[in-house]
Amino acid sequence: MVEVALKEMGNPSLLIALDYLVLLTTAKPEKYVMAALRWHRRFELEARTLTLAESQLALSLLVAMGEGDADAVDVLRRLLRKVRPTLLPKVS
């Protein structure tokens, strides 16, 4: 059901896609790794300012998230706001 909703959205923001990854960690963990890699690829392409260290941090956080670290999601959200991806609404 969630996959259908995401497809109907066309190109959901990275924040919405991150929420989808959270769902995958428990509902369909077998799909998590490939979805996380696709998310990271978009993250690298859409970030307006991104260092190599931030890219590596994001990938490490995705690994931690897949292993059940709930705090990793919050750090990824903060990192998203920092690098300002093109599809992320501006938040003050």
PDB file of N, CA and C in Angstrom:
ATOM      1  N   MET A   1       0.818  -1.186   0.000  1.00  0.00           N
ATOM      2  CA  MET A   1       0.000   0.000   0.000  1.00  0.00           C
ATOM      3  C   MET A   1       0.873   1.265   0.000  1.00  0.00           C
ATOM      4  N   VAL A   2       1.915   1.267   0.821  1.00  0.00           N
ATOM      5  CA  VAL A   2       2.791   2.432   0.907  1.00  0.00           C
ATOM      6  C   VAL A   2       3.523   2.637  -0.413  1.00  0.00           C
ATOM      7  N   GLU A   3       3.966   1.530  -1.029  1.00  0.00           N
ATOM      8  CA  GLU A   3       4.667   1.632  -2.312  1.00  0.00           C
ATOM      9  C   GLU A   3       3.788   2.286  -3.371  1.00  0.00           C
ATOM     10  N   VAL A   4       2.514   1.946  -3.377  1.00  0.00           N
ATOM     11  CA  VAL A   4       1.578   2.525  -4.346  1.00  0.00           C
ATOM     12  C   VAL A   4       1.460   4.030  -4.111  1.00  0.00           C
ATOM     13  N   ALA A   5       1.337   4.430  -2.868  1.00  0.00           N
ATOM     14  CA  ALA A   5       1.231   5.850  -2.537  1.00  0.00           C
ATOM     15  C   ALA A   5       2.479   6.601  -2.966  1.00  0.00           C
ATOM     16  N   LEU A   6       3.646   6.024  -2.747  1.00  0.00           N
ATOM     17  CA  LEU A   6       4.887   6.683  -3.156  1.00  0.00           C
ATOM     18  C   LEU A   6       4.963   6.830  -4.671  1.00  0.00           C
ATOM     19  N   LYS A   7       4.547   5.803  -5.397  1.00  0.00           N
ATOM     20  CA  LYS A   7       4.563   5.882  -6.865  1.00  0.00           C
ATOM     21  C   LYS A   7       3.602   6.953  -7.364  1.00  0.00           C
ATOM     22  N   GLU A   8       2.465   7.080  -6.708  1.00  0.00           N
ATOM     23  CA  GLU A   8       1.500   8.104  -7.111  1.00  0.00           C
ATOM     24  C   GLU A   8       2.033   9.506  -6.844  1.00  0.00           C
ATOM     25  N   MET A   9       2.895   9.644  -5.841  1.00  0.00           N
ATOM     26  CA  MET A   9       3.478  10.949  -5.529  1.00  0.00           C
ATOM     27  C   MET A   9       4.490  11.366  -6.588  1.00  0.00           C
ATOM     28  N   GLY A  10       4.988  10.413  -7.349  1.00  0.00           N
ATOM     29  CA  GLY A  10       5.961  10.735  -8.383  1.00  0.00           C
ATOM     30  C   GLY A  10       7.370  10.773  -7.825  1.00  0.00           C
ATOM     31  N   ASN A  11       7.759  11.902  -7.293  1.00  0.00           N
ATOM     32  CA  ASN A  11       9.101  12.071  -6.755  1.00  0.00           C
ATOM     33  C   ASN A  11       8.993  12.663  -5.346  1.00  0.00           C
ATOM     34  N   PRO A  12       8.729  11.807  -4.359  1.00  0.00           N
ATOM     35  CA  PRO A  12       8.561  12.329  -2.997  1.00  0.00           C
ATOM     36  C   PRO A  12       9.863  12.932  -2.481  1.00  0.00           C
ATOM     37  N   SER A  13       9.755  13.832  -1.541  1.00  0.00           N
ATOM     38  CA  SER A  13      10.944  14.450  -0.953  1.00  0.00           C
ATOM     39  C   SER A  13      11.787  13.386  -0.255  1.00  0.00           C
ATOM     40  N   LEU A  14      13.034  13.724  -0.008  1.00  0.00           N
ATOM     41  CA  LEU A  14      13.910  12.807   0.710  1.00  0.00           C
ATOM     42  C   LEU A  14      13.416  12.560   2.133  1.00  0.00           C
ATOM     43  N   LEU A  15      12.738  13.530   2.722  1.00  0.00           N
ATOM     44  CA  LEU A  15      12.173  13.312   4.063  1.00  0.00           C
ATOM     45  C   LEU A  15      11.081  12.247   4.029  1.00  0.00           C
ATOM     46  N   ILE A  16      10.223  12.310   3.039  1.00  0.00           N
ATOM     47  CA  ILE A  16       9.171  11.297   2.905  1.00  0.00           C
ATOM     48  C   ILE A  16       9.793   9.943   2.594  1.00  0.00           C
ATOM     49  N   ALA A  17      10.790   9.937   1.717  1.00  0.00           N
ATOM     50  CA  ALA A  17      11.477   8.689   1.392  1.00  0.00           C
ATOM     51  C   ALA A  17      12.178   8.119   2.625  1.00  0.00           C
ATOM     52  N   LEU A  18      12.674   8.982   3.492  1.00  0.00           N
ATOM     53  CA  LEU A  18      13.302   8.519   4.733  1.00  0.00           C
ATOM     54  C   LEU A  18      12.262   7.861   5.643  1.00  0.00           C
ATOM     55  N   ASP A  19      11.082   8.435   5.713  1.00  0.00           N
ATOM     56  CA  ASP A  19      10.006   7.818   6.497  1.00  0.00           C
ATOM     57  C   ASP A  19       9.664   6.427   5.949  1.00  0.00           C
ATOM     58  N   TYR A  20       9.703   6.293   4.631  1.00  0.00           N
ATOM     59  CA  TYR A  20       9.463   4.993   4.003  1.00  0.00           C
ATOM     60  C   TYR A  20      10.546   3.997   4.431  1.00  0.00           C
ATOM     61  N   LEU A  21      11.796   4.444   4.487  1.00  0.00           N
ATOM     62  CA  LEU A  21      12.873   3.555   4.930  1.00  0.00           C
ATOM     63  C   LEU A  21      12.643   3.078   6.358  1.00  0.00           C
ATOM     64  N   VAL A  22      12.150   3.971   7.197  1.00  0.00           N
ATOM     65  CA  VAL A  22      11.845   3.585   8.579  1.00  0.00           C
ATOM     66  C   VAL A  22      10.817   2.464   8.587  1.00  0.00           C
ATOM     67  N   LEU A  23       9.796   2.592   7.757  1.00  0.00           N
ATOM     68  CA  LEU A  23       8.780   1.528   7.671  1.00  0.00           C
ATOM     69  C   LEU A  23       9.393   0.216   7.191  1.00  0.00           C
ATOM     70  N   LEU A  24      10.279   0.300   6.222  1.00  0.00           N
ATOM     71  CA  LEU A  24      10.891  -0.916   5.686  1.00  0.00           C
ATOM     72  C   LEU A  24      11.709  -1.673   6.727  1.00  0.00           C
ATOM     73  N   THR A  25      12.333  -0.952   7.643  1.00  0.00           N
ATOM     74  CA  THR A  25      13.187  -1.630   8.622  1.00  0.00           C
ATOM     75  C   THR A  25      12.427  -2.679   9.427  1.00  0.00           C
ATOM     76  N   THR A  26      11.130  -2.452   9.614  1.00  0.00           N
ATOM     77  CA  THR A  26      10.347  -3.431  10.374  1.00  0.00           C
ATOM     78  C   THR A  26       9.396  -4.234   9.496  1.00  0.00           C
ATOM     79  N   ALA A  27       8.782  -3.582   8.506  1.00  0.00           N
ATOM     80  CA  ALA A  27       7.770  -4.262   7.705  1.00  0.00           C
ATOM     81  C   ALA A  27       8.367  -5.167   6.625  1.00  0.00           C
ATOM     82  N   LYS A  28       9.422  -4.697   5.965  1.00  0.00           N
ATOM     83  CA  LYS A  28      10.026  -5.472   4.877  1.00  0.00           C
ATOM     84  C   LYS A  28      11.550  -5.287   4.888  1.00  0.00           C
ATOM     85  N   PRO A  29      12.202  -5.817   5.915  1.00  0.00           N
ATOM     86  CA  PRO A  29      13.645  -5.593   6.034  1.00  0.00           C
ATOM     87  C   PRO A  29      14.453  -6.110   4.841  1.00  0.00           C
ATOM     88  N   GLU A  30      13.924  -7.084   4.125  1.00  0.00           N
ATOM     89  CA  GLU A  30      14.639  -7.615   2.964  1.00  0.00           C
ATOM     90  C   GLU A  30      14.743  -6.593   1.833  1.00  0.00           C
ATOM     91  N   LYS A  31      13.885  -5.587   1.831  1.00  0.00           N
ATOM     92  CA  LYS A  31      13.925  -4.535   0.809  1.00  0.00           C
ATOM     93  C   LYS A  31      14.715  -3.307   1.266  1.00  0.00           C
ATOM     94  N   TYR A  32      15.091  -3.277   2.530  1.00  0.00           N
ATOM     95  CA  TYR A  32      15.706  -2.081   3.098  1.00  0.00           C
ATOM     96  C   TYR A  32      17.022  -1.694   2.434  1.00  0.00           C
ATOM     97  N   VAL A  33      17.920  -2.635   2.242  1.00  0.00           N
ATOM     98  CA  VAL A  33      19.260  -2.301   1.751  1.00  0.00           C
ATOM     99  C   VAL A  33      19.203  -1.614   0.388  1.00  0.00           C
ATOM    100  N   MET A  34      18.473  -2.168  -0.536  1.00  0.00           N
ATOM    101  CA  MET A  34      18.397  -1.564  -1.875  1.00  0.00           C
ATOM    102  C   MET A  34      17.706  -0.199  -1.826  1.00  0.00           C
ATOM    103  N   ALA A  35      16.662  -0.095  -1.015  1.00  0.00           N
ATOM    104  CA  ALA A  35      15.964   1.186  -0.886  1.00  0.00           C
ATOM    105  C   ALA A  35      16.874   2.229  -0.234  1.00  0.00           C
ATOM    106  N   ALA A  36      17.663   1.823   0.751  1.00  0.00           N
ATOM    107  CA  ALA A  36      18.586   2.748   1.415  1.00  0.00           C
ATOM    108  C   ALA A  36      19.665   3.223   0.442  1.00  0.00           C
ATOM    109  N   LEU A  37      20.156   2.331  -0.399  1.00  0.00           N
ATOM    110  CA  LEU A  37      21.149   2.726  -1.400  1.00  0.00           C
ATOM    111  C   LEU A  37      20.564   3.716  -2.402  1.00  0.00           C
ATOM    112  N   ARG A  38      19.319   3.482  -2.822  1.00  0.00           N
ATOM    113  CA  ARG A  38      18.662   4.431  -3.738  1.00  0.00           C
ATOM    114  C   ARG A  38      18.470   5.781  -3.054  1.00  0.00           C
ATOM    115  N   TRP A  39      18.093   5.768  -1.781  1.00  0.00           N
ATOM    116  CA  TRP A  39      17.922   7.009  -1.030  1.00  0.00           C
ATOM    117  C   TRP A  39      19.249   7.769  -0.968  1.00  0.00           C
ATOM    118  N   HIS A  40      20.315   7.060  -0.674  1.00  0.00           N
ATOM    119  CA  HIS A  40      21.629   7.709  -0.569  1.00  0.00           C
ATOM    120  C   HIS A  40      22.061   8.300  -1.912  1.00  0.00           C
ATOM    121  N   ARG A  41      21.783   7.595  -2.991  1.00  0.00           N
ATOM    122  CA  ARG A  41      22.110   8.119  -4.328  1.00  0.00           C
ATOM    123  C   ARG A  41      21.373   9.435  -4.569  1.00  0.00           C
ATOM    124  N   ARG A  42      20.095   9.478  -4.248  1.00  0.00           N
ATOM    125  CA  ARG A  42      19.327  10.730  -4.397  1.00  0.00           C
ATOM    126  C   ARG A  42      19.867  11.817  -3.490  1.00  0.00           C
ATOM    127  N   PHE A  43      20.213  11.443  -2.269  1.00  0.00           N
ATOM    128  CA  PHE A  43      20.773  12.384  -1.303  1.00  0.00           C
ATOM    129  C   PHE A  43      22.010  13.061  -1.897  1.00  0.00           C
ATOM    130  N   GLU A  44      22.889  12.276  -2.483  1.00  0.00           N
ATOM    131  CA  GLU A  44      24.105  12.839  -3.072  1.00  0.00           C
ATOM    132  C   GLU A  44      23.793  13.731  -4.276  1.00  0.00           C
ATOM    133  N   LEU A  45      22.827  13.346  -5.070  1.00  0.00           N
ATOM    134  CA  LEU A  45      22.494  14.116  -6.269  1.00  0.00           C
ATOM    135  C   LEU A  45      21.753  15.413  -5.959  1.00  0.00           C
ATOM    136  N   GLU A  46      20.913  15.400  -4.941  1.00  0.00           N
ATOM    137  CA  GLU A  46      20.045  16.539  -4.672  1.00  0.00           C
ATOM    138  C   GLU A  46      20.604  17.534  -3.654  1.00  0.00           C
ATOM    139  N   ALA A  47      21.625  17.135  -2.913  1.00  0.00           N
ATOM    140  CA  ALA A  47      22.182  18.027  -1.899  1.00  0.00           C
ATOM    141  C   ALA A  47      22.840  19.231  -2.568  1.00  0.00           C
ATOM    142  N   ARG A  48      22.528  20.412  -2.068  1.00  0.00           N
ATOM    143  CA  ARG A  48      23.131  21.626  -2.620  1.00  0.00           C
ATOM    144  C   ARG A  48      24.531  21.832  -2.078  1.00  0.00           C
ATOM    145  N   THR A  49      24.723  21.478  -0.836  1.00  0.00           N
ATOM    146  CA  THR A  49      26.052  21.554  -0.222  1.00  0.00           C
ATOM    147  C   THR A  49      26.292  20.215   0.447  1.00  0.00           C
ATOM    148  N   LEU A  50      27.315  19.524   0.041  1.00  0.00           N
ATOM    149  CA  LEU A  50      27.578  18.204   0.604  1.00  0.00           C
ATOM    150  C   LEU A  50      29.071  17.928   0.558  1.00  0.00           C
ATOM    151  N   THR A  51      29.607  17.553   1.697  1.00  0.00           N
ATOM    152  CA  THR A  51      31.007  17.162   1.744  1.00  0.00           C
ATOM    153  C   THR A  51      31.094  15.642   1.669  1.00  0.00           C
ATOM    154  N   LEU A  52      32.283  15.167   1.413  1.00  0.00           N
ATOM    155  CA  LEU A  52      32.510  13.732   1.383  1.00  0.00           C
ATOM    156  C   LEU A  52      32.224  13.127   2.760  1.00  0.00           C
ATOM    157  N   ALA A  53      32.603  13.822   3.806  1.00  0.00           N
ATOM    158  CA  ALA A  53      32.353  13.335   5.167  1.00  0.00           C
ATOM    159  C   ALA A  53      30.848  13.235   5.457  1.00  0.00           C
ATOM    160  N   GLU A  54      30.065  14.204   4.988  1.00  0.00           N
ATOM    161  CA  GLU A  54      28.609  14.166   5.196  1.00  0.00           C
ATOM    162  C   GLU A  54      27.981  13.014   4.421  1.00  0.00           C
ATOM    163  N   SER A  55      28.478  12.762   3.225  1.00  0.00           N
ATOM    164  CA  SER A  55      27.974  11.640   2.449  1.00  0.00           C
ATOM    165  C   SER A  55      28.276  10.320   3.151  1.00  0.00           C
ATOM    166  N   GLN A  56      29.485  10.201   3.664  1.00  0.00           N
ATOM    167  CA  GLN A  56      29.877   9.009   4.392  1.00  0.00           C
ATOM    168  C   GLN A  56      29.061   8.864   5.678  1.00  0.00           C
ATOM    169  N   LEU A  57      28.826   9.972   6.359  1.00  0.00           N
ATOM    170  CA  LEU A  57      28.010   9.949   7.571  1.00  0.00           C
ATOM    171  C   LEU A  57      26.599   9.448   7.258  1.00  0.00           C
ATOM    172  N   ALA A  58      26.013   9.953   6.189  1.00  0.00           N
ATOM    173  CA  ALA A  58      24.662   9.532   5.807  1.00  0.00           C
ATOM    174  C   ALA A  58      24.619   8.031   5.551  1.00  0.00           C
ATOM    175  N   LEU A  59      25.610   7.526   4.854  1.00  0.00           N
ATOM    176  CA  LEU A  59      25.645   6.096   4.566  1.00  0.00           C
ATOM    177  C   LEU A  59      25.796   5.283   5.857  1.00  0.00           C
ATOM    178  N   SER A  60      26.638   5.748   6.756  1.00  0.00           N
ATOM    179  CA  SER A  60      26.810   5.059   8.047  1.00  0.00           C
ATOM    180  C   SER A  60      25.525   5.087   8.862  1.00  0.00           C
ATOM    181  N   LEU A  61      24.824   6.203   8.813  1.00  0.00           N
ATOM    182  CA  LEU A  61      23.556   6.309   9.537  1.00  0.00           C
ATOM    183  C   LEU A  61      22.503   5.378   8.950  1.00  0.00           C
ATOM    184  N   LEU A  62      22.507   5.210   7.642  1.00  0.00           N
ATOM    185  CA  LEU A  62      21.578   4.271   7.007  1.00  0.00           C
ATOM    186  C   LEU A  62      21.867   2.842   7.457  1.00  0.00           C
ATOM    187  N   VAL A  63      23.142   2.496   7.580  1.00  0.00           N
ATOM    188  CA  VAL A  63      23.506   1.169   8.091  1.00  0.00           C
ATOM    189  C   VAL A  63      22.998   1.013   9.517  1.00  0.00           C
ATOM    190  N   ALA A  64      23.246   2.006  10.355  1.00  0.00           N
ATOM    191  CA  ALA A  64      22.800   1.954  11.747  1.00  0.00           C
ATOM    192  C   ALA A  64      21.279   1.845  11.831  1.00  0.00           C
ATOM    193  N   MET A  65      20.597   2.594  10.978  1.00  0.00           N
ATOM    194  CA  MET A  65      19.138   2.555  10.962  1.00  0.00           C
ATOM    195  C   MET A  65      18.645   1.150  10.616  1.00  0.00           C
ATOM    196  N   GLY A  66      19.285   0.533   9.640  1.00  0.00           N
ATOM    197  CA  GLY A  66      18.913  -0.826   9.248  1.00  0.00           C
ATOM    198  C   GLY A  66      19.166  -1.848  10.338  1.00  0.00           C
ATOM    199  N   GLU A  67      20.057  -1.505  11.258  1.00  0.00           N
ATOM    200  CA  GLU A  67      20.357  -2.391  12.386  1.00  0.00           C
ATOM    201  C   GLU A  67      19.526  -2.046  13.619  1.00  0.00           C
ATOM    202  N   GLY A  68      18.555  -1.135  13.452  1.00  0.00           N
ATOM    203  CA  GLY A  68      17.617  -0.845  14.533  1.00  0.00           C
ATOM    204  C   GLY A  68      17.919   0.382  15.365  1.00  0.00           C
ATOM    205  N   ASP A  69      18.883   1.190  14.962  1.00  0.00           N
ATOM    206  CA  ASP A  69      19.225   2.397  15.720  1.00  0.00           C
ATOM    207  C   ASP A  69      18.242   3.517  15.382  1.00  0.00           C
ATOM    208  N   ALA A  70      17.289   3.765  16.268  1.00  0.00           N
ATOM    209  CA  ALA A  70      16.251   4.772  16.031  1.00  0.00           C
ATOM    210  C   ALA A  70      16.822   6.186  16.023  1.00  0.00           C
ATOM    211  N   ASP A  71      17.902   6.422  16.748  1.00  0.00           N
ATOM    212  CA  ASP A  71      18.504   7.758  16.783  1.00  0.00           C
ATOM    213  C   ASP A  71      19.088   8.161  15.435  1.00  0.00           C
ATOM    214  N   ALA A  72      19.457   7.184  14.623  1.00  0.00           N
ATOM    215  CA  ALA A  72      20.051   7.467  13.313  1.00  0.00           C
ATOM    216  C   ALA A  72      19.087   8.263  12.434  1.00  0.00           C
ATOM    217  N   VAL A  73      17.808   8.011  12.567  1.00  0.00           N
ATOM    218  CA  VAL A  73      16.807   8.708  11.757  1.00  0.00           C
ATOM    219  C   VAL A  73      16.813  10.205  12.067  1.00  0.00           C
ATOM    220  N   ASP A  74      16.863  10.550  13.329  1.00  0.00           N
ATOM    221  CA  ASP A  74      16.881  11.962  13.720  1.00  0.00           C
ATOM    222  C   ASP A  74      18.123  12.672  13.200  1.00  0.00           C
ATOM    223  N   VAL A  75      19.260  12.002  13.262  1.00  0.00           N
ATOM    224  CA  VAL A  75      20.491  12.600  12.755  1.00  0.00           C
ATOM    225  C   VAL A  75      20.407  12.780  11.234  1.00  0.00           C
ATOM    226  N   LEU A  76      19.836  11.811  10.543  1.00  0.00           N
ATOM    227  CA  LEU A  76      19.663  11.943   9.088  1.00  0.00           C
ATOM    228  C   LEU A  76      18.749  13.121   8.746  1.00  0.00           C
ATOM    229  N   ARG A  77      17.706  13.308   9.518  1.00  0.00           N
ATOM    230  CA  ARG A  77      16.811  14.446   9.275  1.00  0.00           C
ATOM    231  C   ARG A  77      17.544  15.770   9.453  1.00  0.00           C
ATOM    232  N   ARG A  78      18.366  15.851  10.498  1.00  0.00           N
ATOM    233  CA  ARG A  78      19.153  17.080  10.711  1.00  0.00           C
ATOM    234  C   ARG A  78      20.154  17.283   9.585  1.00  0.00           C
ATOM    235  N   LEU A  79      20.769  16.213   9.131  1.00  0.00           N
ATOM    236  CA  LEU A  79      21.723  16.308   8.028  1.00  0.00           C
ATOM    237  C   LEU A  79      21.023  16.761   6.746  1.00  0.00           C
ATOM    238  N   LEU A  80      19.822  16.271   6.524  1.00  0.00           N
ATOM    239  CA  LEU A  80      19.046  16.712   5.354  1.00  0.00           C
ATOM    240  C   LEU A  80      18.810  18.216   5.387  1.00  0.00           C
ATOM    241  N   ARG A  81      18.446  18.730   6.525  1.00  0.00           N
ATOM    242  CA  ARG A  81      18.218  20.173   6.631  1.00  0.00           C
ATOM    243  C   ARG A  81      19.505  20.964   6.387  1.00  0.00           C
ATOM    244  N   LYS A  82      20.614  20.395   6.807  1.00  0.00           N
ATOM    245  CA  LYS A  82      21.901  21.078   6.645  1.00  0.00           C
ATOM    246  C   LYS A  82      22.324  21.168   5.176  1.00  0.00           C
ATOM    247  N   VAL A  83      22.165  20.088   4.430  1.00  0.00           N
ATOM    248  CA  VAL A  83      22.646  20.066   3.041  1.00  0.00           C
ATOM    249  C   VAL A  83      21.616  20.600   2.053  1.00  0.00           C
ATOM    250  N   ARG A  84      20.414  20.874   2.532  1.00  0.00           N
ATOM    251  CA  ARG A  84      19.357  21.501   1.738  1.00  0.00           C
ATOM    252  C   ARG A  84      19.157  20.870   0.359  1.00  0.00           C
ATOM    253  N   PRO A  85      18.638  19.646   0.313  1.00  0.00           N
ATOM    254  CA  PRO A  85      18.369  19.043  -0.990  1.00  0.00           C
ATOM    255  C   PRO A  85      17.362  19.872  -1.778  1.00  0.00           C
ATOM    256  N   THR A  86      17.418  19.769  -3.079  1.00  0.00           N
ATOM    257  CA  THR A  86      16.605  20.612  -3.951  1.00  0.00           C
ATOM    258  C   THR A  86      15.110  20.432  -3.738  1.00  0.00           C
ATOM    259  N   LEU A  87      14.652  19.254  -3.368  1.00  0.00           N
ATOM    260  CA  LEU A  87      13.224  19.009  -3.212  1.00  0.00           C
ATOM    261  C   LEU A  87      12.732  19.184  -1.782  1.00  0.00           C
ATOM    262  N   LEU A  88      13.612  19.529  -0.863  1.00  0.00           N
ATOM    263  CA  LEU A  88      13.220  19.714   0.529  1.00  0.00           C
ATOM    264  C   LEU A  88      12.664  21.112   0.734  1.00  0.00           C
ATOM    265  N   PRO A  89      11.454  21.229   1.263  1.00  0.00           N
ATOM    266  CA  PRO A  89      10.916  22.568   1.516  1.00  0.00           C
ATOM    267  C   PRO A  89      11.800  23.311   2.516  1.00  0.00           C
ATOM    268  N   LYS A  90      11.963  24.589   2.312  1.00  0.00           N
ATOM    269  CA  LYS A  90      12.800  25.396   3.196  1.00  0.00           C
ATOM    270  C   LYS A  90      12.142  25.505   4.568  1.00  0.00           C
ATOM    271  N   VAL A  91      12.924  25.192   5.601  1.00  0.00           N
ATOM    272  CA  VAL A  91      12.447  25.255   6.980  1.00  0.00           C
ATOM    273  C   VAL A  91      13.302  26.277   7.722  1.00  0.00           C
ATOM    274  N   SER A  92      12.667  27.196   8.413  1.00  0.00           N
ATOM    275  CA  SER A  92      13.428  28.218   9.150  1.00  0.00           C
ATOM    276  C   SER A  92      13.886  27.693  10.479  1.00  0.00           C
TER     277      SER A  92
END
